[in-house]
Amino acid sequence: MDARGIIWKLRQRENLTEAEIRWFAAGLAAGEVSDAQAGAFAMAACLNGLSTRERVALTLAMRDSGDVLSWTLPGPVVDKHSTGGLGDCVSLLLAPMLACAGVYNPMISGRGLGHTGGTLDKMEAIPGVATEVSENRFREIVADVGCAIVSATGNLAPADRRLYAIRDVTSTVESIDLITASILSKKLAAGLGALVLDVKAGSGAFMTTMEEARALARSLVDTANGAGCRTVALISDMNQPLAASVGNAVEVADCMEVLTGDADGGALAELTVELCAILLVTCGAVADEAEGRSRMRAALASGAAAERFGRMVAALGGPADFLERWTDALPAAPVIVDVPAETAGHVAAIDGRAMGLAVVRMGGGRLRDGDTVDPAVGLSRVARLGTKVAAGDPLFRLHARDGARAEASRRAVLDAITISAQPEPRPLVHERIA
């Protein structure tokens, strides 16, 4: 076999065999496929598409190009993946909640991308927490606590890491086939028995329309199930932040209020409970979703999920007493101001991308590789869609490093919020793809 022949077949819309796809993935990981050949493969896949069979084969081949974890635990091993959005801190609640049900969640997460936040950046907003741990330590934490949120090891799906970098510079990032194989090759390398997907649609998501989100969800579900991992997807609304905050420490604070019973969590808690219930049914831990929801709400109400989160934080190097003193432990921005509405009406629309980029420019994310993230900056108390406001009523609270950044961000976030007539209510969950 050779790369040129495989690229030629894909370019000619001929079906690739599993052996050809595995050879190409192994060549990517080993460096035997050149950057030019990888770019040609990505472009041919982007223009001509892959069949479901080819997508499954590519996913498994990239998964198997590096380490694949296996587990000997007394309960199911499961995970969740979100396609990204504003205020999406579900993972910080979901992992400890699942652990309370005897389900194990080895969550390998990522950092902020574009205008959206990253789970690892949120975890590392907690002083002392280090998400880069050895495989042995990862296994120990999962076995003891029931969950761990960590970064990927250097040898997890190396073929995908290589192809992803090529896609970024060859304008092939938007290929649903390659997005699917990239996401799932890393997730399935964690040795999962079941997976739930939260595919976002709306102004704050990468897939802004329902058509785009539906196509990605269908591709992910079909491919994951074809690869042997029981998988269900929800398409959820991302036309406003999921939590009341956008940033790192501020989102951790929102999660802690839910875990400790100081807030009901609203849409954040509702979606997390739903995703947990689906996972519990999918992996066979409960008989039906009603039982799953009941058990997850009980885990929150009893404080059991909070206790698990505290144990995970301590195991990752954070404060042993974080649960008791999280309000003092989390970093706070020097400038905190409430920003009022300039006109009366209802919060009719939020430009999620513009709002997210405003937080990134404050230092809450990365404009380029290597940028340092300021964990303290961001937004909190963001008014929900449909909220009626008078001129002068608070719209959001701004957390900034200095006055100049606060003023620049104030204007950018105000411009991202439309005040006019009351909008039609939107469902939190649009569709289920199974």
Protein backbone atom coordinates (compact mmCIF):
# COMPACT_ATOMS: atom_id res chain seq x y z
CA MET A 1 0.00 0.00 0.00
CA ASP A 2 1.03 3.60 -0.45
CA ALA A 3 -0.44 6.99 0.44
CA ARG A 4 -0.74 8.13 -3.18
CA GLY A 5 -2.95 5.18 -4.12
CA ILE A 6 -5.23 5.68 -1.11
CA ILE A 7 -5.59 9.42 -1.85
CA TRP A 8 -6.32 8.68 -5.50
CA LYS A 9 -9.12 6.26 -4.59
CA LEU A 10 -10.68 8.77 -2.19
CA ARG A 11 -10.39 11.53 -4.78
CA GLN A 12 -12.12 9.29 -7.35
CA ARG A 13 -14.93 8.52 -4.88
CA GLU A 14 -13.93 4.87 -4.68
CA ASN A 15 -14.55 3.13 -1.35
CA LEU A 16 -11.48 2.63 0.83
CA THR A 17 -10.96 -0.71 2.53
CA GLU A 18 -10.52 -1.00 6.29
CA ALA A 19 -6.93 -2.17 5.70
CA GLU A 20 -6.15 0.93 3.61
CA ILE A 21 -7.59 3.27 6.25
CA ARG A 22 -5.67 1.52 9.05
CA TRP A 23 -2.46 1.74 7.02
CA PHE A 24 -2.96 5.47 6.43
CA ALA A 25 -3.70 6.17 10.12
CA ALA A 26 -0.64 4.21 11.20
CA GLY A 27 1.41 6.20 8.68
CA LEU A 28 0.12 9.46 10.11
CA ALA A 29 1.14 8.42 13.62
CA ALA A 30 4.55 7.14 12.56
CA GLY A 31 5.37 10.07 10.28
CA GLU A 32 5.49 7.86 7.19
CA VAL A 33 2.68 9.89 5.58
CA SER A 34 3.91 13.38 4.66
CA ASP A 35 2.14 16.62 5.55
CA ALA A 36 1.28 17.11 1.86
CA GLN A 37 -0.27 13.64 1.67
CA ALA A 38 -2.20 14.17 4.91
CA GLY A 39 -3.53 17.49 3.54
CA ALA A 40 -4.56 15.84 0.26
CA PHE A 41 -6.38 13.09 2.16
CA ALA A 42 -8.19 15.66 4.31
CA MET A 43 -9.22 17.72 1.28
CA ALA A 44 -10.48 14.66 -0.60
CA ALA A 45 -12.49 13.57 2.46
CA CYS A 46 -13.85 17.11 2.91
CA LEU A 47 -14.97 17.41 -0.73
CA ASN A 48 -16.18 13.85 -1.40
CA GLY A 49 -17.19 12.67 2.07
CA LEU A 50 -16.81 9.28 3.72
CA SER A 51 -19.36 6.50 4.04
CA THR A 52 -20.45 5.44 7.53
CA ARG A 53 -18.31 2.32 7.16
CA GLU A 54 -15.25 4.40 6.22
CA ARG A 55 -15.93 6.84 9.08
CA VAL A 56 -16.08 3.96 11.58
CA ALA A 57 -12.89 2.49 10.18
CA LEU A 58 -11.06 5.84 10.35
CA THR A 59 -12.25 6.42 13.91
CA LEU A 60 -11.06 3.00 15.08
CA ALA A 61 -7.79 3.26 13.16
CA MET A 62 -6.96 6.63 14.74
CA ARG A 63 -8.02 5.32 18.15
CA ASP A 64 -5.73 2.33 17.76
CA SER A 65 -2.78 4.45 16.57
CA GLY A 66 -1.83 5.04 20.22
CA ASP A 67 -2.71 3.92 23.73
CA VAL A 68 -6.19 2.48 24.33
CA LEU A 69 -7.23 2.17 27.97
CA SER A 70 -8.98 -0.84 29.41
CA TRP A 71 -10.59 -1.01 32.83
CA THR A 72 -11.30 -3.66 35.45
CA LEU A 73 -13.73 -1.77 37.66
CA PRO A 74 -16.85 -2.95 39.51
CA GLY A 75 -19.15 -0.69 37.49
CA PRO A 76 -19.72 0.64 33.96
CA VAL A 77 -17.21 3.06 32.40
CA VAL A 78 -18.92 5.98 30.64
CA ASP A 79 -18.34 9.52 29.44
CA LYS A 80 -19.97 12.59 27.92
CA HIS A 81 -18.80 14.92 25.17
CA SER A 82 -20.02 18.43 24.35
CA THR A 83 -19.36 20.18 21.05
CA GLY A 84 -18.74 23.39 23.03
CA GLY A 85 -20.57 26.54 24.00
CA LEU A 86 -20.79 29.44 26.45
CA GLY A 87 -21.17 28.72 30.15
CA ASP A 88 -21.00 24.99 29.44
CA CYS A 89 -19.60 23.63 32.70
CA VAL A 90 -21.72 20.47 32.66
CA SER A 91 -18.69 18.21 33.03
CA LEU A 92 -17.86 19.58 36.47
CA LEU A 93 -21.30 18.51 37.72
CA LEU A 94 -21.82 15.38 35.64
CA ALA A 95 -18.65 13.51 36.61
CA PRO A 96 -19.20 13.53 40.41
CA MET A 97 -22.96 12.97 40.02
CA LEU A 98 -22.37 9.81 37.98
CA ALA A 99 -19.80 8.59 40.50
CA CYS A 100 -22.54 8.62 43.14
CA ALA A 101 -24.42 5.98 41.11
CA GLY A 102 -21.53 3.52 41.01
CA VAL A 103 -20.64 4.52 37.46
CA TYR A 104 -17.03 5.40 36.56
CA ASN A 105 -16.20 8.47 34.47
CA PRO A 106 -12.61 8.76 33.19
CA MET A 107 -13.07 12.12 31.46
CA ILE A 108 -10.31 13.18 29.09
CA SER A 109 -11.09 16.80 28.30
CA GLY A 110 -9.78 19.73 26.27
CA ARG A 111 -8.97 23.41 26.60
CA GLY A 112 -10.80 26.45 25.32
CA LEU A 113 -11.28 26.62 21.56
CA GLY A 114 -12.26 29.77 19.68
CA HIS A 115 -14.96 31.66 21.58
CA THR A 116 -15.84 28.73 23.87
CA GLY A 117 -14.33 27.72 27.20
CA GLY A 118 -12.48 24.51 28.00
CA THR A 119 -13.16 22.08 30.84
CA LEU A 120 -9.45 21.82 31.70
CA ASP A 121 -9.16 25.60 31.99
CA LYS A 122 -12.11 25.63 34.39
CA MET A 123 -10.64 22.85 36.54
CA GLU A 124 -7.26 24.60 36.64
CA ALA A 125 -8.94 27.78 37.89
CA ILE A 126 -9.02 25.91 41.22
CA PRO A 127 -5.67 26.63 42.93
CA GLY A 128 -3.31 23.68 42.90
CA VAL A 129 -5.28 21.52 40.47
CA ALA A 130 -3.10 19.90 37.79
CA THR A 131 -4.93 18.03 35.05
CA GLU A 132 -1.79 16.53 33.51
CA VAL A 133 -1.33 13.26 35.38
CA SER A 134 0.30 9.92 34.58
CA GLU A 135 -1.85 7.06 33.36
CA ASN A 136 -1.26 5.20 36.62
CA ARG A 137 -2.39 8.20 38.68
CA PHE A 138 -5.41 8.65 36.40
CA ARG A 139 -6.41 5.05 37.02
CA GLU A 140 -5.96 5.43 40.77
CA ILE A 141 -8.18 8.51 40.97
CA VAL A 142 -10.93 6.97 38.83
CA ALA A 143 -10.91 3.77 40.92
CA ASP A 144 -10.96 5.66 44.23
CA VAL A 145 -13.21 8.66 43.52
CA GLY A 146 -15.23 7.30 40.59
CA CYS A 147 -14.26 10.16 38.28
CA ALA A 148 -11.31 12.24 37.11
CA ILE A 149 -11.15 15.15 34.67
CA VAL A 150 -7.70 15.19 33.03
CA SER A 151 -5.87 16.14 29.84
CA ALA A 152 -4.89 13.64 27.17
CA THR A 153 -1.60 11.81 27.39
CA GLY A 154 0.96 12.30 24.63
CA ASN A 155 0.18 8.96 23.02
CA LEU A 156 -3.62 9.18 22.87
CA ALA A 157 -4.77 8.94 19.23
CA PRO A 158 -1.55 10.39 17.76
CA ALA A 159 -2.87 9.93 14.21
CA ASP A 160 -5.73 12.31 15.02
CA ARG A 161 -3.36 14.86 16.58
CA ARG A 162 -1.35 14.89 13.36
CA LEU A 163 -4.38 15.06 11.05
CA TYR A 164 -6.05 17.75 13.19
CA ALA A 165 -3.02 20.04 12.84
CA ILE A 166 -3.07 19.51 9.07
CA ARG A 167 -6.80 20.22 8.86
CA ASP A 168 -6.29 23.51 10.68
CA VAL A 169 -3.97 24.85 7.95
CA THR A 170 -5.72 23.32 4.91
CA SER A 171 -9.24 24.73 5.50
CA THR A 172 -10.75 21.28 6.07
CA VAL A 173 -11.75 21.71 9.72
CA GLU A 174 -15.48 21.84 8.86
CA SER A 175 -15.65 18.32 7.42
CA ILE A 176 -18.28 16.49 9.50
CA ASP A 177 -16.64 13.14 8.69
CA LEU A 178 -13.26 14.29 9.99
CA ILE A 179 -14.79 16.10 12.99
CA THR A 180 -16.58 12.87 13.90
CA ALA A 181 -13.48 10.68 13.62
CA SER A 182 -11.42 13.24 15.58
CA ILE A 183 -13.85 13.50 18.49
CA LEU A 184 -14.59 9.80 18.76
CA SER A 185 -11.06 8.45 18.28
CA LYS A 186 -9.99 10.29 21.44
CA LYS A 187 -13.13 9.46 23.43
CA LEU A 188 -13.09 5.76 22.53
CA ALA A 189 -9.40 5.53 23.43
CA ALA A 190 -10.54 5.99 27.04
CA GLY A 191 -12.10 2.52 26.97
CA LEU A 192 -15.76 3.51 27.26
CA GLY A 193 -18.80 1.26 27.39
CA ALA A 194 -21.30 4.08 26.83
CA LEU A 195 -21.22 7.70 25.71
CA VAL A 196 -23.68 10.59 25.68
CA LEU A 197 -23.18 13.53 23.33
CA ASP A 198 -24.34 17.11 23.87
CA VAL A 199 -24.40 18.70 20.42
CA LYS A 200 -24.98 22.44 20.68
CA ALA A 201 -26.97 24.55 18.21
CA GLY A 202 -27.27 28.34 18.26
CA SER A 203 -25.38 31.62 18.26
CA GLY A 204 -22.86 30.46 20.87
CA ALA A 205 -22.15 27.10 19.23
CA PHE A 206 -19.85 26.03 16.41
CA MET A 207 -22.89 24.55 14.66
CA THR A 208 -25.18 27.57 14.57
CA THR A 209 -28.14 25.98 12.75
CA MET A 210 -30.27 22.95 13.61
CA GLU A 211 -29.43 21.41 10.24
CA GLU A 212 -25.70 21.53 10.96
CA ALA A 213 -26.13 20.25 14.51
CA ARG A 214 -28.44 17.43 13.38
CA ALA A 215 -25.99 16.30 10.71
CA LEU A 216 -23.10 16.21 13.20
CA ALA A 217 -25.16 14.44 15.87
CA ARG A 218 -26.31 11.79 13.39
CA SER A 219 -22.75 11.22 12.19
CA LEU A 220 -21.40 10.94 15.73
CA VAL A 221 -24.12 8.55 16.93
CA ASP A 222 -23.94 6.28 13.88
CA THR A 223 -20.15 6.15 14.00
CA ALA A 224 -19.84 5.57 17.75
CA ASN A 225 -22.42 2.81 17.72
CA GLY A 226 -20.78 1.32 14.64
CA ALA A 227 -17.51 1.31 16.58
CA GLY A 228 -19.13 -0.67 19.41
CA CYS A 229 -19.80 2.10 21.95
CA ARG A 230 -23.47 2.56 22.91
CA THR A 231 -24.15 6.22 22.24
CA VAL A 232 -27.05 8.70 22.36
CA ALA A 233 -26.96 12.43 21.48
CA LEU A 234 -29.01 15.41 22.54
CA ILE A 235 -29.15 18.59 20.49
CA SER A 236 -29.34 21.39 23.07
CA ASP A 237 -29.87 25.12 22.72
CA MET A 238 -26.86 27.45 22.75
CA ASN A 239 -28.48 30.80 21.96
CA GLN A 240 -27.48 31.98 25.43
CA PRO A 241 -24.94 30.84 28.03
CA LEU A 242 -25.96 27.58 29.67
CA ALA A 243 -24.84 28.72 33.12
CA ALA A 244 -25.29 32.26 34.41
CA SER A 245 -21.54 32.87 33.96
CA VAL A 246 -18.96 32.85 31.18
CA GLY A 247 -15.34 32.41 32.24
CA ASN A 248 -13.33 29.95 34.29
CA ALA A 249 -13.46 30.66 38.03
CA VAL A 250 -16.91 32.22 37.66
CA GLU A 251 -18.26 29.03 36.06
CA VAL A 252 -16.65 26.91 38.78
CA ALA A 253 -18.46 29.14 41.29
CA ASP A 254 -21.78 28.48 39.53
CA CYS A 255 -21.13 24.73 39.75
CA MET A 256 -20.21 24.94 43.42
CA GLU A 257 -23.45 26.77 44.20
CA VAL A 258 -25.37 23.93 42.55
CA LEU A 259 -23.34 21.21 44.27
CA THR A 260 -23.64 22.79 47.70
CA GLY A 261 -27.35 23.59 47.37
CA ASP A 262 -26.97 27.38 47.25
CA ALA A 263 -28.64 27.53 43.80
CA ASP A 264 -31.00 25.29 41.84
CA GLY A 265 -28.77 25.54 38.77
CA GLY A 266 -31.55 26.30 36.29
CA ALA A 267 -30.77 25.14 32.76
CA LEU A 268 -27.28 23.97 33.76
CA ALA A 269 -28.58 21.51 36.35
CA GLU A 270 -31.54 20.48 34.19
CA LEU A 271 -29.37 19.53 31.21
CA THR A 272 -26.80 17.78 33.42
CA VAL A 273 -29.46 15.63 35.07
CA GLU A 274 -30.87 14.73 31.65
CA LEU A 275 -27.48 13.73 30.24
CA CYS A 276 -26.72 11.67 33.36
CA ALA A 277 -30.08 9.88 33.18
CA ILE A 278 -29.49 8.93 29.54
CA LEU A 279 -26.03 7.60 30.36
CA LEU A 280 -27.29 5.57 33.33
CA VAL A 281 -29.91 3.88 31.15
CA THR A 282 -27.51 3.38 28.24
CA CYS A 283 -24.93 1.61 30.41
CA GLY A 284 -27.59 -0.44 32.26
CA ALA A 285 -27.13 1.16 35.68
CA VAL A 286 -30.85 2.01 36.04
CA ALA A 287 -34.07 0.63 34.58
CA ASP A 288 -35.35 3.87 33.05
CA GLU A 289 -34.59 7.57 32.77
CA ALA A 290 -37.08 8.53 35.49
CA GLU A 291 -35.06 6.48 37.97
CA GLY A 292 -31.88 8.02 36.63
CA ARG A 293 -33.16 11.57 37.10
CA SER A 294 -34.33 10.75 40.62
CA ARG A 295 -30.95 9.33 41.61
CA MET A 296 -29.06 12.28 40.15
CA ARG A 297 -31.24 14.86 41.88
CA ALA A 298 -30.77 12.94 45.12
CA ALA A 299 -26.99 13.00 44.62
CA LEU A 300 -27.15 16.80 44.41
CA ALA A 301 -29.63 17.30 47.26
CA SER A 302 -27.77 15.02 49.69
CA GLY A 303 -24.38 16.63 49.10
CA ALA A 304 -22.95 13.31 47.87
CA ALA A 305 -21.99 14.80 44.48
CA ALA A 306 -20.31 17.75 46.19
CA GLU A 307 -18.29 15.35 48.36
CA ARG A 308 -17.12 13.45 45.25
CA PHE A 309 -16.13 16.69 43.55
CA GLY A 310 -14.13 17.74 46.60
CA ARG A 311 -12.31 14.39 46.62
CA MET A 312 -11.50 14.71 42.91
CA VAL A 313 -10.15 18.24 43.39
CA ALA A 314 -7.91 17.08 46.25
CA ALA A 315 -6.70 14.06 44.25
CA LEU A 316 -5.66 16.40 41.41
CA GLY A 317 -3.63 18.59 43.78
CA GLY A 318 -6.26 21.12 44.83
CA PRO A 319 -7.15 22.14 48.39
CA ALA A 320 -8.29 19.26 50.61
CA ASP A 321 -10.89 21.60 52.12
CA PHE A 322 -12.07 23.16 48.84
CA LEU A 323 -15.66 22.14 49.51
CA GLU A 324 -15.70 24.15 52.74
CA ARG A 325 -13.87 27.27 51.54
CA TRP A 326 -14.37 27.43 47.78
CA THR A 327 -15.63 31.03 47.92
CA ASP A 328 -12.28 32.15 49.34
CA ALA A 329 -10.13 29.71 47.34
CA LEU A 330 -11.24 30.67 43.84
CA PRO A 331 -9.34 33.60 42.25
CA ALA A 332 -11.21 36.91 42.09
CA ALA A 333 -10.73 39.71 39.56
CA PRO A 334 -9.62 43.12 40.88
CA VAL A 335 -12.41 44.95 39.01
CA ILE A 336 -15.98 43.67 39.47
CA VAL A 337 -18.82 45.87 38.21
CA ASP A 338 -22.51 45.45 37.43
CA VAL A 339 -23.37 46.66 33.93
CA PRO A 340 -26.90 48.06 33.45
CA ALA A 341 -29.21 47.93 30.46
CA GLU A 342 -29.18 51.10 28.40
CA THR A 343 -32.79 50.73 27.23
CA ALA A 344 -36.01 49.11 28.44
CA GLY A 345 -37.49 45.95 26.95
CA HIS A 346 -36.76 42.24 27.01
CA VAL A 347 -33.51 40.37 26.44
CA ALA A 348 -34.43 39.23 22.93
CA ALA A 349 -31.17 37.81 21.58
CA ILE A 350 -27.57 37.14 22.59
CA ASP A 351 -24.72 36.93 20.08
CA GLY A 352 -22.92 34.06 21.76
CA ARG A 353 -19.83 34.21 19.60
CA ALA A 354 -19.35 37.94 20.25
CA MET A 355 -19.91 37.47 23.99
CA GLY A 356 -17.46 34.58 24.13
CA LEU A 357 -14.80 36.50 22.21
CA ALA A 358 -15.21 39.45 24.58
CA VAL A 359 -14.29 37.15 27.47
CA VAL A 360 -11.36 35.72 25.49
CA ARG A 361 -10.03 39.25 24.85
CA MET A 362 -10.26 39.99 28.58
CA GLY A 363 -7.77 37.16 29.06
CA GLY A 364 -10.32 34.43 29.79
CA GLY A 365 -9.24 32.40 26.75
CA ARG A 366 -6.50 32.14 24.14
CA LEU A 367 -6.18 34.30 21.05
CA ARG A 368 -3.18 32.17 19.97
CA ASP A 369 -1.39 29.05 21.10
CA GLY A 370 0.69 29.65 24.20
CA ASP A 371 -1.43 32.50 25.60
CA THR A 372 -1.83 32.45 29.37
CA VAL A 373 -5.42 32.25 30.59
CA ASP A 374 -6.53 34.55 33.41
CA PRO A 375 -8.83 32.32 35.50
CA ALA A 376 -10.49 35.19 37.35
CA VAL A 377 -11.98 37.22 34.49
CA GLY A 378 -15.34 36.75 32.83
CA LEU A 379 -19.04 37.48 33.20
CA SER A 380 -21.55 36.42 35.81
CA ARG A 381 -25.26 36.98 36.45
CA VAL A 382 -25.91 37.20 32.70
CA ALA A 383 -29.60 37.95 32.13
CA ARG A 384 -31.53 35.10 30.50
CA LEU A 385 -33.41 35.42 27.22
CA GLY A 386 -36.87 36.81 27.84
CA THR A 387 -35.89 38.76 30.97
CA LYS A 388 -37.75 42.07 31.21
CA VAL A 389 -35.47 44.99 32.06
CA ALA A 390 -35.82 48.71 32.61
CA ALA A 391 -33.08 51.13 31.68
CA GLY A 392 -30.55 50.91 34.51
CA ASP A 393 -31.39 47.34 35.54
CA PRO A 394 -28.33 45.05 35.72
CA LEU A 395 -27.72 42.93 32.61
CA PHE A 396 -24.52 41.19 33.70
CA ARG A 397 -21.62 41.45 36.13
CA LEU A 398 -18.16 42.06 34.68
CA HIS A 399 -14.99 40.57 36.23
CA ALA A 400 -11.87 42.24 34.76
CA ARG A 401 -8.16 42.58 35.45
CA ASP A 402 -8.15 46.38 35.12
CA GLY A 403 -10.35 49.35 34.29
CA ALA A 404 -9.29 49.61 30.64
CA ARG A 405 -10.19 46.00 29.89
CA ALA A 406 -13.39 46.36 31.86
CA GLU A 407 -14.51 49.30 29.72
CA ALA A 408 -13.64 47.61 26.42
CA SER A 409 -15.43 44.44 27.46
CA ARG A 410 -18.45 46.31 28.80
CA ARG A 411 -19.12 47.80 25.39
CA ALA A 412 -18.50 44.55 23.52
CA VAL A 413 -20.85 42.53 25.72
CA LEU A 414 -23.56 45.20 25.65
CA ASP A 415 -23.38 45.15 21.85
CA ALA A 416 -23.83 41.35 21.94
CA ILE A 417 -27.17 41.64 23.78
CA THR A 418 -30.30 42.77 21.94
CA ILE A 419 -33.03 44.47 23.98
CA SER A 420 -36.39 44.59 22.19
CA ALA A 421 -39.66 42.66 22.15
CA GLN A 422 -40.03 39.50 24.20
CA PRO A 423 -38.73 36.50 22.21
CA GLU A 424 -40.48 33.20 21.69
CA PRO A 425 -39.39 30.71 24.37
CA ARG A 426 -36.83 28.12 23.25
CA PRO A 427 -36.64 24.55 24.48
CA LEU A 428 -33.43 23.59 26.28
CA VAL A 429 -33.29 20.29 24.39
CA HIS A 430 -34.33 20.36 20.74
CA GLU A 431 -33.93 16.73 19.71
CA ARG A 432 -32.62 13.33 20.71
CA ILE A 433 -30.58 11.30 18.22
CA ALA A 434 -30.33 7.61 19.05
